[in-house]
């Protein structure tokens, strides 16, 4: 079992029960999944960028990434429906906890000029989204092999519909929120 999952059951669940007066352990919010998304706009001109993004996202996530395709044609972007435009991966279970552990303890401290994550990025349904400007903050990605810097979107999905509960859950997982 992942270290962060054990930490959740041993420390976070009792902490949230006392803080919010939950009557049952099943009322305590949980992490459901983490979705990583990498949009590659340069892939419209050259498809090699998609392969690089897939390889890098697979290394970061520890799970094989899939390509995302355009649903609609957009003439101003020279984009056709069905064209490959990005990569994504959905993490659940132990891989999700291991990724979050690396994200909070290794990757985010390596971000240049990092001041913390904004609490305004909750969506109103208990989910939290943020972006990382460079994929090279993850130690799995070798800087010498990277030809292009890509951004990375991270979405943390919880089981609660309340942003206050979700913020307390992520704060207990040591997410570095700005005060």
C-alpha atoms as a PDB file:
ATOM      1  CA  UNK A   1       0.000   0.000   0.000  1.00  0.00           C
ATOM      2  CA  UNK A   2       1.210   3.505  -0.804  1.00  0.00           C
ATOM      3  CA  UNK A   3       2.665   5.606   2.004  1.00  0.00           C
ATOM      4  CA  UNK A   4       0.204   8.428   1.396  1.00  0.00           C
ATOM      5  CA  UNK A   5      -2.786   6.069   1.499  1.00  0.00           C
ATOM      6  CA  UNK A   6      -1.718   4.769   4.918  1.00  0.00           C
ATOM      7  CA  UNK A   7      -1.233   8.357   6.061  1.00  0.00           C
ATOM      8  CA  UNK A   8      -4.775   9.155   4.893  1.00  0.00           C
ATOM      9  CA  UNK A   9      -6.375   6.371   6.928  1.00  0.00           C
ATOM     10  CA  UNK A  10      -4.209   6.807  10.039  1.00  0.00           C
ATOM     11  CA  UNK A  11      -3.980  10.602  10.329  1.00  0.00           C
ATOM     12  CA  UNK A  12      -6.240  12.488   7.922  1.00  0.00           C
ATOM     13  CA  UNK A  13      -9.529  10.622   8.492  1.00  0.00           C
ATOM     14  CA  UNK A  14      -9.504  11.126  12.303  1.00  0.00           C
ATOM     15  CA  UNK A  15      -8.392  14.744  11.839  1.00  0.00           C
ATOM     16  CA  UNK A  16     -11.253  15.563   9.432  1.00  0.00           C
ATOM     17  CA  UNK A  17     -13.822  13.714  11.572  1.00  0.00           C
ATOM     18  CA  UNK A  18     -12.960  15.893  14.572  1.00  0.00           C
ATOM     19  CA  UNK A  19     -12.679  19.096  12.514  1.00  0.00           C
ATOM     20  CA  UNK A  20     -15.995  18.801  10.640  1.00  0.00           C
ATOM     21  CA  UNK A  21     -17.919  16.564  13.076  1.00  0.00           C
ATOM     22  CA  UNK A  22     -18.536  13.782  10.574  1.00  0.00           C
ATOM     23  CA  UNK A  23     -20.623  10.987  12.126  1.00  0.00           C
ATOM     24  CA  UNK A  24     -19.184   8.245   9.949  1.00  0.00           C
ATOM     25  CA  UNK A  25     -15.819   7.517   8.323  1.00  0.00           C
ATOM     26  CA  UNK A  26     -17.588   7.143   4.973  1.00  0.00           C
ATOM     27  CA  UNK A  27     -18.603  10.820   5.112  1.00  0.00           C
ATOM     28  CA  UNK A  28     -14.950  11.871   5.067  1.00  0.00           C
ATOM     29  CA  UNK A  29     -13.925  13.057   1.587  1.00  0.00           C
ATOM     30  CA  UNK A  30     -11.500  10.859  -0.346  1.00  0.00           C
ATOM     31  CA  UNK A  31      -9.314  11.285  -3.385  1.00  0.00           C
ATOM     32  CA  UNK A  32     -11.012   9.649  -6.358  1.00  0.00           C
ATOM     33  CA  UNK A  33      -8.565  10.221  -9.206  1.00  0.00           C
ATOM     34  CA  UNK A  34      -5.884  12.496 -10.604  1.00  0.00           C
ATOM     35  CA  UNK A  35      -6.021  13.441 -14.278  1.00  0.00           C
ATOM     36  CA  UNK A  36      -2.888  14.708 -16.044  1.00  0.00           C
ATOM     37  CA  UNK A  37      -3.350  16.499 -19.340  1.00  0.00           C
ATOM     38  CA  UNK A  38      -0.780  17.857 -21.756  1.00  0.00           C
ATOM     39  CA  UNK A  39      -1.980  19.920 -24.705  1.00  0.00           C
ATOM     40  CA  UNK A  40       0.491  20.039 -27.578  1.00  0.00           C
ATOM     41  CA  UNK A  41      -0.403  22.816 -29.986  1.00  0.00           C
ATOM     42  CA  UNK A  42       2.698  22.236 -32.107  1.00  0.00           C
ATOM     43  CA  UNK A  43       1.365  18.769 -32.983  1.00  0.00           C
ATOM     44  CA  UNK A  44      -0.820  20.316 -35.662  1.00  0.00           C
ATOM     45  CA  UNK A  45       2.269  20.996 -37.763  1.00  0.00           C
ATOM     46  CA  UNK A  46       4.402  17.985 -36.788  1.00  0.00           C
ATOM     47  CA  UNK A  47       3.220  14.730 -35.219  1.00  0.00           C
ATOM     48  CA  UNK A  48       6.574  13.961 -33.539  1.00  0.00           C
ATOM     49  CA  UNK A  49       5.605  16.348 -30.721  1.00  0.00           C
ATOM     50  CA  UNK A  50       2.749  14.026 -29.737  1.00  0.00           C
ATOM     51  CA  UNK A  51       5.109  11.075 -29.359  1.00  0.00           C
ATOM     52  CA  UNK A  52       7.435  13.133 -27.149  1.00  0.00           C
ATOM     53  CA  UNK A  53       4.525  14.327 -25.011  1.00  0.00           C
ATOM     54  CA  UNK A  54       3.217  10.761 -24.646  1.00  0.00           C
ATOM     55  CA  UNK A  55       6.641   9.466 -23.601  1.00  0.00           C
ATOM     56  CA  UNK A  56       7.205  12.254 -21.075  1.00  0.00           C
ATOM     57  CA  UNK A  57       3.718  11.995 -19.590  1.00  0.00           C
ATOM     58  CA  UNK A  58       4.130   8.221 -19.300  1.00  0.00           C
ATOM     59  CA  UNK A  59       7.390   8.718 -17.399  1.00  0.00           C
ATOM     60  CA  UNK A  60       5.856  11.307 -15.079  1.00  0.00           C
ATOM     61  CA  UNK A  61       2.705   9.313 -14.330  1.00  0.00           C
ATOM     62  CA  UNK A  62       4.162   5.821 -14.218  1.00  0.00           C
ATOM     63  CA  UNK A  63       1.284   4.694 -16.401  1.00  0.00           C
ATOM     64  CA  UNK A  64       0.853   4.701 -20.167  1.00  0.00           C
ATOM     65  CA  UNK A  65      -0.653   7.921 -21.513  1.00  0.00           C
ATOM     66  CA  UNK A  66      -3.191   8.095 -24.338  1.00  0.00           C
ATOM     67  CA  UNK A  67      -3.548  10.646 -27.118  1.00  0.00           C
ATOM     68  CA  UNK A  68      -6.413  13.109 -27.159  1.00  0.00           C
ATOM     69  CA  UNK A  69      -8.012  14.062 -30.433  1.00  0.00           C
ATOM     70  CA  UNK A  70      -9.825  17.173 -31.603  1.00  0.00           C
ATOM     71  CA  UNK A  71     -13.610  16.832 -31.612  1.00  0.00           C
ATOM     72  CA  UNK A  72     -14.287  19.771 -33.897  1.00  0.00           C
ATOM     73  CA  UNK A  73     -12.505  21.465 -36.756  1.00  0.00           C
ATOM     74  CA  UNK A  74     -11.315  25.016 -36.045  1.00  0.00           C
ATOM     75  CA  UNK A  75     -10.146  26.837 -39.149  1.00  0.00           C
ATOM     76  CA  UNK A  76      -8.343  29.656 -37.302  1.00  0.00           C
ATOM     77  CA  UNK A  77      -6.082  27.114 -35.574  1.00  0.00           C
ATOM     78  CA  UNK A  78      -5.726  24.972 -38.722  1.00  0.00           C
ATOM     79  CA  UNK A  79      -7.213  22.120 -36.719  1.00  0.00           C
ATOM     80  CA  UNK A  80      -9.273  19.266 -38.154  1.00  0.00           C
ATOM     81  CA  UNK A  81     -11.625  16.950 -36.316  1.00  0.00           C
ATOM     82  CA  UNK A  82      -9.894  13.678 -35.449  1.00  0.00           C
ATOM     83  CA  UNK A  83      -6.410  15.194 -35.371  1.00  0.00           C
ATOM     84  CA  UNK A  84      -4.134  14.261 -32.426  1.00  0.00           C
ATOM     85  CA  UNK A  85      -3.595  17.334 -30.237  1.00  0.00           C
ATOM     86  CA  UNK A  86      -2.509  16.169 -26.790  1.00  0.00           C
ATOM     87  CA  UNK A  87      -1.900  13.451 -24.225  1.00  0.00           C
ATOM     88  CA  UNK A  88      -3.632  12.512 -20.993  1.00  0.00           C
ATOM     89  CA  UNK A  89      -3.559   9.916 -18.243  1.00  0.00           C
ATOM     90  CA  UNK A  90      -5.938   9.127 -15.380  1.00  0.00           C
ATOM     91  CA  UNK A  91      -4.398   7.830 -12.157  1.00  0.00           C
ATOM     92  CA  UNK A  92      -6.313   5.928  -9.490  1.00  0.00           C
ATOM     93  CA  UNK A  93      -5.402   3.840  -6.457  1.00  0.00           C
ATOM     94  CA  UNK A  94      -1.783   3.394  -5.414  1.00  0.00           C
ATOM     95  CA  UNK A  95      -0.399   5.099  -8.541  1.00  0.00           C
ATOM     96  CA  UNK A  96      -2.461   8.172  -7.726  1.00  0.00           C
ATOM     97  CA  UNK A  97      -1.130   8.336  -4.163  1.00  0.00           C
ATOM     98  CA  UNK A  98       2.459   7.764  -5.292  1.00  0.00           C
ATOM     99  CA  UNK A  99       2.139  10.502  -7.921  1.00  0.00           C
ATOM    100  CA  UNK A 100       0.713  12.985  -5.397  1.00  0.00           C
ATOM    101  CA  UNK A 101       3.518  12.143  -2.985  1.00  0.00           C
ATOM    102  CA  UNK A 102       6.138  12.924  -5.670  1.00  0.00           C
ATOM    103  CA  UNK A 103       4.217  16.016  -6.801  1.00  0.00           C
ATOM    104  CA  UNK A 104       3.956  17.635  -3.369  1.00  0.00           C
ATOM    105  CA  UNK A 105       7.341  16.616  -1.968  1.00  0.00           C
ATOM    106  CA  UNK A 106       9.607  16.674  -5.043  1.00  0.00           C
ATOM    107  CA  UNK A 107       8.145  18.415  -8.101  1.00  0.00           C
ATOM    108  CA  UNK A 108       6.414  21.505  -6.696  1.00  0.00           C
ATOM    109  CA  UNK A 109       9.433  22.592  -4.615  1.00  0.00           C
ATOM    110  CA  UNK A 110      11.515  22.431  -7.826  1.00  0.00           C
ATOM    111  CA  UNK A 111       9.248  24.914  -9.652  1.00  0.00           C
ATOM    112  CA  UNK A 112      11.070  28.171 -10.208  1.00  0.00           C
ATOM    113  CA  UNK A 113       9.631  31.149  -8.258  1.00  0.00           C
ATOM    114  CA  UNK A 114       7.012  28.911  -6.645  1.00  0.00           C
ATOM    115  CA  UNK A 115       4.937  30.735  -4.051  1.00  0.00           C
ATOM    116  CA  UNK A 116       2.225  28.159  -3.478  1.00  0.00           C
ATOM    117  CA  UNK A 117      -1.039  27.010  -5.018  1.00  0.00           C
ATOM    118  CA  UNK A 118      -4.102  29.253  -5.151  1.00  0.00           C
ATOM    119  CA  UNK A 119      -7.221  28.249  -3.241  1.00  0.00           C
ATOM    120  CA  UNK A 120      -9.292  29.893  -5.995  1.00  0.00           C
ATOM    121  CA  UNK A 121      -8.760  26.937  -8.335  1.00  0.00           C
ATOM    122  CA  UNK A 122     -11.533  24.799  -6.860  1.00  0.00           C
ATOM    123  CA  UNK A 123     -14.409  24.291  -9.290  1.00  0.00           C
ATOM    124  CA  UNK A 124     -17.339  24.482  -6.837  1.00  0.00           C
ATOM    125  CA  UNK A 125     -17.755  20.694  -6.786  1.00  0.00           C
ATOM    126  CA  UNK A 126     -14.752  19.752  -4.654  1.00  0.00           C
ATOM    127  CA  UNK A 127     -12.260  19.284  -7.501  1.00  0.00           C
ATOM    128  CA  UNK A 128      -8.965  21.139  -7.715  1.00  0.00           C
ATOM    129  CA  UNK A 129      -7.085  22.073 -10.905  1.00  0.00           C
ATOM    130  CA  UNK A 130      -3.742  23.716 -11.495  1.00  0.00           C
ATOM    131  CA  UNK A 131      -1.079  23.898 -14.164  1.00  0.00           C
ATOM    132  CA  UNK A 132       2.649  23.340 -14.223  1.00  0.00           C
ATOM    133  CA  UNK A 133       4.510  25.333 -16.869  1.00  0.00           C
ATOM    134  CA  UNK A 134       7.413  22.915 -17.363  1.00  0.00           C
ATOM    135  CA  UNK A 135       7.381  19.130 -17.295  1.00  0.00           C
ATOM    136  CA  UNK A 136      11.067  19.097 -16.369  1.00  0.00           C
ATOM    137  CA  UNK A 137      10.313  19.734 -12.669  1.00  0.00           C
ATOM    138  CA  UNK A 138       9.668  15.991 -12.357  1.00  0.00           C
ATOM    139  CA  UNK A 139      12.878  14.033 -11.731  1.00  0.00           C
ATOM    140  CA  UNK A 140      11.695  11.225 -14.053  1.00  0.00           C
ATOM    141  CA  UNK A 141      12.091  13.470 -17.072  1.00  0.00           C
ATOM    142  CA  UNK A 142      15.741  13.757 -18.102  1.00  0.00           C
ATOM    143  CA  UNK A 143      16.435  17.368 -19.020  1.00  0.00           C
ATOM    144  CA  UNK A 144      19.045  16.330 -21.591  1.00  0.00           C
ATOM    145  CA  UNK A 145      16.431  14.330 -23.562  1.00  0.00           C
ATOM    146  CA  UNK A 146      13.793  17.086 -23.613  1.00  0.00           C
ATOM    147  CA  UNK A 147      13.562  18.929 -26.909  1.00  0.00           C
ATOM    148  CA  UNK A 148      10.485  21.035 -26.144  1.00  0.00           C
ATOM    149  CA  UNK A 149       9.076  22.346 -22.894  1.00  0.00           C
ATOM    150  CA  UNK A 150       5.414  21.429 -22.458  1.00  0.00           C
ATOM    151  CA  UNK A 151       2.912  22.552 -19.871  1.00  0.00           C
ATOM    152  CA  UNK A 152       0.992  20.081 -17.755  1.00  0.00           C
ATOM    153  CA  UNK A 153      -2.493  20.360 -16.247  1.00  0.00           C
ATOM    154  CA  UNK A 154      -3.255  18.465 -13.034  1.00  0.00           C
ATOM    155  CA  UNK A 155      -6.838  17.849 -11.856  1.00  0.00           C
ATOM    156  CA  UNK A 156      -7.417  16.306  -8.422  1.00  0.00           C
ATOM    157  CA  UNK A 157     -10.939  14.842  -8.160  1.00  0.00           C
ATOM    158  CA  UNK A 158     -12.416  14.224  -4.701  1.00  0.00           C
ATOM    159  CA  UNK A 159     -15.597  12.497  -3.569  1.00  0.00           C
ATOM    160  CA  UNK A 160     -17.079  15.589  -1.941  1.00  0.00           C
ATOM    161  CA  UNK A 161     -19.130  18.363  -3.547  1.00  0.00           C
ATOM    162  CA  UNK A 162     -17.986  20.920  -0.977  1.00  0.00           C
ATOM    163  CA  UNK A 163     -14.892  23.018  -1.693  1.00  0.00           C
ATOM    164  CA  UNK A 164     -14.239  23.621   2.016  1.00  0.00           C
ATOM    165  CA  UNK A 165     -14.016  19.884   2.712  1.00  0.00           C
ATOM    166  CA  UNK A 166     -11.881  19.321  -0.381  1.00  0.00           C
ATOM    167  CA  UNK A 167      -9.520  22.146   0.615  1.00  0.00           C
ATOM    168  CA  UNK A 168      -9.139  20.671   4.100  1.00  0.00           C
ATOM    169  CA  UNK A 169      -8.426  17.249   2.580  1.00  0.00           C
ATOM    170  CA  UNK A 170      -5.743  18.579   0.228  1.00  0.00           C
ATOM    171  CA  UNK A 171      -4.252  20.751   2.986  1.00  0.00           C
ATOM    172  CA  UNK A 172      -3.968  17.600   5.122  1.00  0.00           C
ATOM    173  CA  UNK A 173      -2.060  15.983   2.233  1.00  0.00           C
ATOM    174  CA  UNK A 174       0.419  18.918   2.545  1.00  0.00           C
ATOM    175  CA  UNK A 175      -0.600  20.744  -0.626  1.00  0.00           C
ATOM    176  CA  UNK A 176       1.227  24.097  -0.427  1.00  0.00           C
ATOM    177  CA  UNK A 177      -1.703  26.515  -0.556  1.00  0.00           C
ATOM    178  CA  UNK A 178      -1.140  30.274  -0.364  1.00  0.00           C
ATOM    179  CA  UNK A 179      -2.690  31.796   2.744  1.00  0.00           C
END
